[in-house]
Protein backbone atom coordinates (compact mmCIF):
# COMPACT_ATOMS: atom_id res chain seq x y z
CA MET A 1 13.51 4.77 -31.74
CA LYS A 2 12.49 2.43 -28.93
CA LYS A 3 9.93 -0.28 -29.75
CA VAL A 4 7.09 -0.07 -27.16
CA ALA A 5 3.88 -1.96 -26.30
CA PHE A 6 0.88 -0.18 -24.79
CA ILE A 7 -0.82 -2.09 -21.94
CA PHE A 8 -3.99 -1.32 -20.04
CA PRO A 9 -5.22 -2.41 -16.62
CA GLY A 10 -8.55 -4.16 -15.82
CA GLN A 11 -11.08 -4.27 -13.04
CA GLY A 12 -9.64 -4.06 -9.49
CA SER A 13 -7.37 -1.10 -10.43
CA GLN A 14 -10.10 1.39 -9.64
CA ALA A 15 -9.73 4.05 -6.82
CA VAL A 16 -11.56 7.19 -5.90
CA GLY A 17 -9.77 10.19 -7.40
CA MET A 18 -8.39 8.36 -10.39
CA GLY A 19 -7.95 10.68 -13.39
CA LYS A 20 -8.31 13.84 -11.29
CA ASP A 21 -4.89 15.20 -11.99
CA PHE A 22 -5.60 14.94 -15.74
CA PHE A 23 -8.96 16.59 -15.32
CA LEU A 24 -7.38 19.45 -13.40
CA ASN A 25 -4.59 20.06 -15.85
CA SER A 26 -5.83 18.98 -19.29
CA ASP A 27 -8.66 20.23 -21.49
CA ILE A 28 -8.57 16.83 -23.26
CA ALA A 29 -9.48 15.06 -20.06
CA LYS A 30 -12.26 17.61 -19.22
CA ASP A 31 -13.78 17.18 -22.61
CA MET A 32 -13.63 13.40 -22.56
CA ILE A 33 -15.25 13.22 -19.18
CA LYS A 34 -17.98 15.72 -20.23
CA LYS A 35 -18.72 13.59 -23.41
CA ALA A 36 -18.61 10.32 -21.52
CA SER A 37 -21.07 11.74 -18.91
CA GLU A 38 -23.48 12.76 -21.60
CA ARG A 39 -23.19 9.50 -23.48
CA LEU A 40 -24.10 7.24 -20.52
CA ASN A 41 -25.98 9.75 -18.43
CA ILE A 42 -23.50 9.16 -15.61
CA ASP A 43 -21.85 11.95 -13.72
CA PHE A 44 -18.22 10.75 -14.13
CA GLU A 45 -16.82 13.65 -12.24
CA LYS A 46 -18.85 12.41 -9.16
CA LEU A 47 -18.16 8.79 -9.90
CA LEU A 48 -14.35 9.18 -10.28
CA PHE A 49 -13.55 11.92 -7.77
CA GLU A 50 -16.08 11.62 -4.85
CA GLU A 51 -16.66 8.89 -2.38
CA ASN A 52 -19.55 6.80 -3.62
CA ASP A 53 -20.97 3.28 -3.75
CA ASN A 54 -21.17 2.98 -7.52
CA LEU A 55 -17.47 2.80 -8.30
CA GLY A 56 -17.32 -0.72 -6.89
CA LYS A 57 -20.37 -1.89 -8.97
CA THR A 58 -19.19 -3.73 -12.11
CA GLU A 59 -21.40 -1.82 -14.56
CA PHE A 60 -19.89 1.43 -13.29
CA THR A 61 -16.42 0.26 -12.63
CA GLN A 62 -15.74 -0.91 -16.09
CA PRO A 63 -16.56 2.29 -17.89
CA ALA A 64 -14.75 4.33 -15.25
CA ILE A 65 -11.52 2.38 -15.57
CA LEU A 66 -11.68 2.38 -19.36
CA LEU A 67 -12.30 6.18 -19.49
CA VAL A 68 -9.31 6.98 -17.27
CA SER A 69 -7.13 4.72 -19.36
CA CYS A 70 -8.32 6.41 -22.57
CA ILE A 71 -7.75 9.86 -21.05
CA ALA A 72 -4.13 8.90 -20.07
CA LEU A 73 -3.59 7.64 -23.66
CA GLU A 74 -4.98 10.75 -25.36
CA VAL A 75 -3.07 13.11 -23.14
CA PHE A 76 0.03 11.11 -23.89
CA LYS A 77 -0.61 11.14 -27.72
CA SER A 78 -1.04 14.92 -27.53
CA LYS A 79 2.53 15.22 -26.40
CA CYS A 80 4.23 12.09 -27.91
CA ASP A 81 3.84 10.56 -31.36
CA ILE A 82 4.99 6.91 -30.96
CA LYS A 83 3.26 3.94 -32.40
CA PRO A 84 3.14 0.67 -30.38
CA GLU A 85 4.27 -2.67 -31.82
CA PHE A 86 1.14 -4.14 -30.19
CA VAL A 87 -1.42 -3.31 -27.60
CA LEU A 88 -2.51 -5.52 -24.68
CA GLY A 89 -5.02 -5.21 -21.91
CA HIS A 90 -5.75 -7.28 -18.78
CA SER A 91 -9.42 -8.43 -19.04
CA LEU A 92 -11.44 -5.31 -19.27
CA GLY A 93 -8.18 -3.59 -20.31
CA GLU A 94 -8.42 -5.39 -23.68
CA PHE A 95 -11.27 -2.97 -24.49
CA SER A 96 -8.99 0.00 -23.77
CA ALA A 97 -6.42 -1.67 -25.99
CA LEU A 98 -9.03 -1.76 -28.76
CA VAL A 99 -9.51 1.97 -28.49
CA ALA A 100 -5.68 2.34 -28.81
CA ALA A 101 -5.75 0.10 -31.84
CA GLY A 102 -8.42 2.14 -33.65
CA ALA A 103 -10.97 -0.67 -33.38
CA ILE A 104 -13.62 1.47 -31.50
CA ASN A 105 -13.89 5.06 -30.38
CA TYR A 106 -13.77 5.65 -26.59
CA LEU A 107 -17.37 6.67 -26.27
CA ASP A 108 -18.65 3.47 -28.02
CA ALA A 109 -16.19 1.52 -25.81
CA ILE A 110 -17.53 3.14 -22.69
CA GLU A 111 -21.03 2.16 -23.61
CA LEU A 112 -19.91 -1.30 -24.58
CA VAL A 113 -18.17 -2.04 -21.29
CA ASN A 114 -21.11 -0.59 -19.33
CA LYS A 115 -23.32 -3.18 -21.17
CA ARG A 116 -20.67 -5.86 -20.49
CA GLY A 117 -20.56 -5.17 -16.79
CA THR A 118 -24.33 -5.15 -16.67
CA PHE A 119 -24.54 -8.56 -18.41
CA MET A 120 -21.86 -10.02 -16.12
CA ASN A 121 -23.72 -8.84 -13.02
CA GLU A 122 -27.00 -10.22 -14.38
CA ALA A 123 -25.48 -13.63 -15.16
CA CYS A 124 -24.09 -13.89 -11.57
CA SER A 125 -27.03 -12.38 -9.74
CA GLY A 126 -28.27 -14.72 -7.09
CA ALA A 127 -25.73 -17.44 -8.05
CA GLY A 128 -23.40 -16.90 -5.11
CA ALA A 129 -20.53 -16.23 -7.44
CA GLY A 130 -17.05 -15.32 -6.32
CA MET A 131 -13.36 -15.27 -6.98
CA MET A 132 -10.18 -16.36 -5.06
CA ALA A 133 -6.55 -15.16 -5.31
CA LEU A 134 -3.85 -17.79 -4.97
CA VAL A 135 -0.22 -16.97 -4.27
CA GLY A 136 2.75 -19.24 -4.34
CA ILE A 137 1.46 -22.32 -6.04
CA ASP A 138 2.23 -23.91 -9.36
CA ASP A 139 -0.44 -23.43 -12.32
CA ILE A 140 -0.54 -27.18 -13.05
CA LYS A 141 -1.34 -28.09 -9.40
CA VAL A 142 -4.23 -25.54 -9.37
CA GLU A 143 -5.55 -26.72 -12.72
CA THR A 144 -5.46 -30.33 -11.62
CA ILE A 145 -7.24 -29.50 -8.33
CA CYS A 146 -9.88 -27.45 -10.25
CA GLU A 147 -10.51 -30.36 -12.67
CA ASP A 148 -10.76 -32.89 -9.95
CA GLU A 149 -13.23 -30.83 -7.91
CA ARG A 150 -15.40 -30.03 -11.07
CA LYS A 151 -15.67 -33.83 -11.56
CA LYS A 152 -17.15 -33.93 -7.98
CA GLY A 153 -19.70 -31.25 -8.87
CA LEU A 154 -17.96 -28.11 -7.66
CA LYS A 155 -17.93 -25.03 -9.92
CA ILE A 156 -14.41 -23.65 -9.88
CA TRP A 157 -12.14 -22.56 -12.68
CA ALA A 158 -8.78 -20.81 -13.31
CA ALA A 159 -9.66 -17.21 -14.35
CA ASN A 160 -6.53 -15.00 -14.42
CA TYR A 161 -2.96 -16.11 -15.11
CA ASN A 162 -1.22 -12.97 -13.73
CA MET A 163 2.37 -14.16 -13.19
CA ASP A 164 4.15 -17.20 -11.94
CA GLY A 165 2.91 -17.96 -8.53
CA GLN A 166 -0.18 -15.69 -8.73
CA LEU A 167 -3.40 -17.05 -10.18
CA VAL A 168 -7.01 -15.99 -9.67
CA LEU A 169 -9.83 -18.45 -9.57
CA ALA A 170 -13.57 -17.93 -10.25
CA GLY A 171 -16.67 -19.93 -9.46
CA LEU A 172 -19.21 -20.39 -6.72
CA LYS A 173 -18.05 -18.63 -3.54
CA ALA A 174 -19.13 -21.53 -1.39
CA ASP A 175 -17.09 -23.98 -3.47
CA LEU A 176 -14.07 -21.63 -3.32
CA GLU A 177 -14.30 -21.36 0.39
CA LYS A 178 -14.43 -25.18 0.67
CA LEU A 179 -11.08 -25.41 -1.03
CA VAL A 180 -9.03 -22.87 0.90
CA ASP A 181 -7.36 -25.55 2.95
CA THR A 182 -6.94 -27.85 -0.03
CA PHE A 183 -5.00 -25.19 -1.88
CA LYS A 184 -2.86 -24.39 1.11
CA SER A 185 -2.04 -28.06 1.62
CA ALA A 186 -1.03 -28.19 -2.00
CA GLY A 187 1.55 -25.45 -1.42
CA ALA A 188 -0.25 -22.03 -1.75
CA LYS A 189 1.20 -19.46 0.67
CA ARG A 190 -2.13 -17.61 0.39
CA ALA A 191 -5.67 -18.53 -0.63
CA LEU A 192 -7.95 -15.55 -0.32
CA VAL A 193 -11.58 -15.47 -1.23
CA LEU A 194 -12.16 -12.01 -2.59
CA ASP A 195 -14.92 -9.59 -1.78
CA MET A 196 -16.68 -9.92 -5.13
CA SER A 197 -20.12 -11.05 -6.36
CA VAL A 198 -19.14 -11.57 -9.99
CA ALA A 199 -17.14 -14.52 -11.25
CA SER A 200 -15.17 -13.34 -14.29
CA HIS A 201 -13.78 -15.53 -16.98
CA CYS A 202 -15.66 -18.74 -16.25
CA GLU A 203 -18.77 -20.72 -17.37
CA LEU A 204 -20.99 -18.88 -14.90
CA LEU A 205 -21.04 -16.01 -17.45
CA ASP A 206 -22.38 -18.15 -20.32
CA SER A 207 -25.60 -15.99 -20.62
CA ALA A 208 -23.52 -12.84 -20.94
CA VAL A 209 -21.85 -14.11 -24.17
CA GLU A 210 -24.79 -13.90 -26.49
CA ASN A 211 -25.95 -10.65 -24.82
CA LEU A 212 -22.73 -9.01 -25.57
CA LYS A 213 -22.21 -10.11 -29.15
CA PRO A 214 -24.70 -7.77 -30.79
CA TYR A 215 -22.98 -4.74 -29.26
CA LEU A 216 -19.51 -5.99 -30.37
CA ILE A 217 -20.93 -6.28 -33.92
CA GLU A 218 -22.47 -2.86 -33.81
CA PHE A 219 -19.53 -0.88 -32.33
CA LEU A 220 -16.28 -2.49 -33.67
CA GLU A 221 -14.51 -1.47 -36.85
CA GLU A 222 -13.75 -4.01 -39.54
CA LYS A 223 -9.93 -3.69 -39.30
CA PHE A 224 -7.48 -2.20 -36.85
CA SER A 225 -3.96 -2.40 -35.56
CA ASN A 226 -2.37 -5.34 -33.63
CA VAL A 227 -4.18 -6.39 -30.47
CA ILE A 228 -3.08 -9.26 -28.26
CA SER A 229 -5.97 -11.60 -27.21
CA ASN A 230 -6.34 -12.55 -23.58
CA VAL A 231 -7.91 -15.77 -24.73
CA SER A 232 -5.32 -17.03 -27.38
CA THR A 233 -2.23 -14.79 -26.63
CA GLU A 234 -2.14 -14.13 -30.35
CA ILE A 235 -2.53 -10.99 -32.43
CA TYR A 236 -5.83 -10.18 -34.05
CA SER A 237 -6.81 -7.27 -36.17
CA THR A 238 -10.29 -7.93 -37.73
CA LYS A 239 -13.84 -7.48 -36.49
CA ASP A 240 -14.77 -11.06 -37.00
CA GLU A 241 -11.85 -12.26 -34.84
CA ALA A 242 -12.65 -9.59 -32.25
CA VAL A 243 -16.34 -10.65 -31.87
CA ASP A 244 -15.36 -14.23 -31.38
CA LEU A 245 -12.37 -13.61 -28.98
CA LEU A 246 -14.05 -10.92 -26.87
CA SER A 247 -17.17 -13.10 -26.45
CA SER A 248 -15.03 -16.04 -25.39
CA GLN A 249 -13.01 -13.83 -23.03
CA LEU A 250 -16.04 -13.67 -20.78
CA ILE A 251 -15.84 -17.46 -20.07
CA LYS A 252 -12.20 -18.21 -20.75
CA PRO A 253 -9.18 -17.34 -18.51
CA VAL A 254 -7.02 -14.27 -18.97
CA LYS A 255 -3.64 -15.36 -20.10
CA TYR A 256 -1.78 -12.24 -19.27
CA LYS A 257 1.67 -13.64 -18.36
CA GLN A 258 1.55 -15.97 -21.33
CA SER A 259 0.77 -12.97 -23.61
CA ILE A 260 3.79 -11.04 -22.27
CA ASN A 261 6.03 -14.02 -22.67
CA ALA A 262 4.85 -14.69 -26.20
CA HIS A 263 5.49 -11.13 -27.48
CA ASP A 264 8.22 -9.81 -25.14
CA SER A 265 10.94 -10.09 -27.83
CA LYS A 266 9.18 -7.57 -30.03
CA VAL A 267 9.58 -4.60 -27.79
CA ASP A 268 12.03 -2.74 -25.66
CA LEU A 269 9.64 -1.52 -23.11
CA TYR A 270 5.97 -1.33 -22.03
CA ILE A 271 3.84 1.73 -21.16
CA GLU A 272 0.80 1.16 -18.85
CA PHE A 273 -2.08 3.71 -19.26
CA GLY A 274 -4.54 4.22 -16.56
CA GLN A 275 -5.07 4.12 -12.80
CA GLY A 276 -2.30 2.71 -10.61
CA ALA A 277 0.59 0.56 -11.80
CA VAL A 278 -0.89 -2.96 -11.37
CA LEU A 279 0.62 -4.30 -14.66
CA LYS A 280 3.85 -2.62 -14.02
CA GLY A 281 4.04 -4.73 -10.83
CA LEU A 282 3.20 -7.88 -12.64
CA ASN A 283 5.60 -7.20 -15.42
CA ARG A 284 8.58 -7.05 -12.96
CA LYS A 285 7.90 -10.68 -12.29
CA ILE A 286 7.46 -11.67 -15.95
CA THR A 287 10.00 -9.81 -18.00
CA ASP A 288 13.22 -7.89 -17.56
CA LYS A 289 12.05 -5.13 -19.95
CA PRO A 290 11.06 -1.91 -18.16
CA THR A 291 7.50 -0.85 -17.81
CA LEU A 292 6.64 2.89 -17.63
CA ASN A 293 3.26 4.12 -16.52
CA VAL A 294 1.04 7.07 -17.27
CA ASN A 295 -1.52 7.75 -14.59
CA ASP A 296 -1.14 11.51 -13.90
CA MET A 297 0.74 14.52 -15.32
CA LYS A 298 3.98 13.68 -13.42
CA THR A 299 4.27 10.07 -14.67
CA LEU A 300 3.30 11.37 -18.15
CA GLU A 301 6.34 13.75 -18.14
CA GLU A 302 8.61 11.02 -16.67
CA THR A 303 7.53 8.53 -19.41
CA ILE A 304 8.13 11.03 -22.23
CA GLU A 305 11.54 11.87 -20.77
CA ALA A 306 12.45 8.20 -20.58
CA LEU A 307 11.32 7.72 -24.25
CA ASN A 308 13.68 10.53 -25.34
CA GLU A 309 16.66 9.21 -23.55
C-alpha cells in the first residue's frame, strides 16, 4: 500500500463555484453545507456558488475554503479507506489538516476559522496592512533586506515560504511599496504588492493571538493524529502543542517548503483536498513525489484509480 500525506490549501485558493460539483453529486456534500450554514448562519450555497462580495472577505473566505476541503476529504473517505502518514496544511489549511487528524470536527473548525478571520481583520483594520509576492530571489537576501529595513523603522516580514524562489512578505502596504525597486535590484524577477488589506503571519496580528486562544482551547481535542506545524515544521499531536503553535502561526511565517522537505522521505505521494491545485503546483518545484488532488468528482475518481495502481 502506498504511503500518503494529506495536504490542504489556504487562503487565496478560493473561487466562485468551488465545491459545486460535490454538492450536485454527493449527499455528503449537501449535508455538510446545510449544517455549516446553520452553524454560522451563513448561506454557504450562495457564498460558494454565486457571485458575491463576501467570498473575498477574510472572515468568510476562511470558513468557505475549509468547508470545501473538508467536503473533498469526506467524499474521498466514503470511497477510499487509506490513512495518511501525516497531514499538512498551508496557513489556514492547517485547520483543515486538524479536521483530518481528528483534532476537531469540521463544524467547530468552521466556527473557529470564522473567528480567526474576524480577529485578523480587526487587527489590521485601519493599519494599512498588505502583502507582497516575490519571485526569483534567494530567501537569505530577502530576510537580510527585511531585517535591515525593520531597523530603519519599516514594518515588513517574511510570511510564506512557498518554494525556492517564491516568497510572500507581509507588513504595512506603504512600506512594501517603498521596497519594490529594492527587491528587484537585489535580483527579484517580480515584486508584486497584492490586493489585500490583511497582513498574515507577522507582528501586525499580535492582538489576534490572545483573541484566538480561548476558542482553540474550547474546540480542540486533547490528542489526535500526526499534524505538521507551519511554524516549527515538526509533528504535533496534543492540544497543548496545538494551542501554542496555532496561536504562534498568526505571527510567524508559514514554512511550507521546509515542511515538505523535512518529511518527504516518509511518503510515496501527496493528496491535496480542496479548491484548485495550488499546493500541487508548489510541490512540483519542491519534491519529485507525485501530488494528486481531489477538488471535484472527476479528480476524486482519478485519485482513487491512481492509488489502486
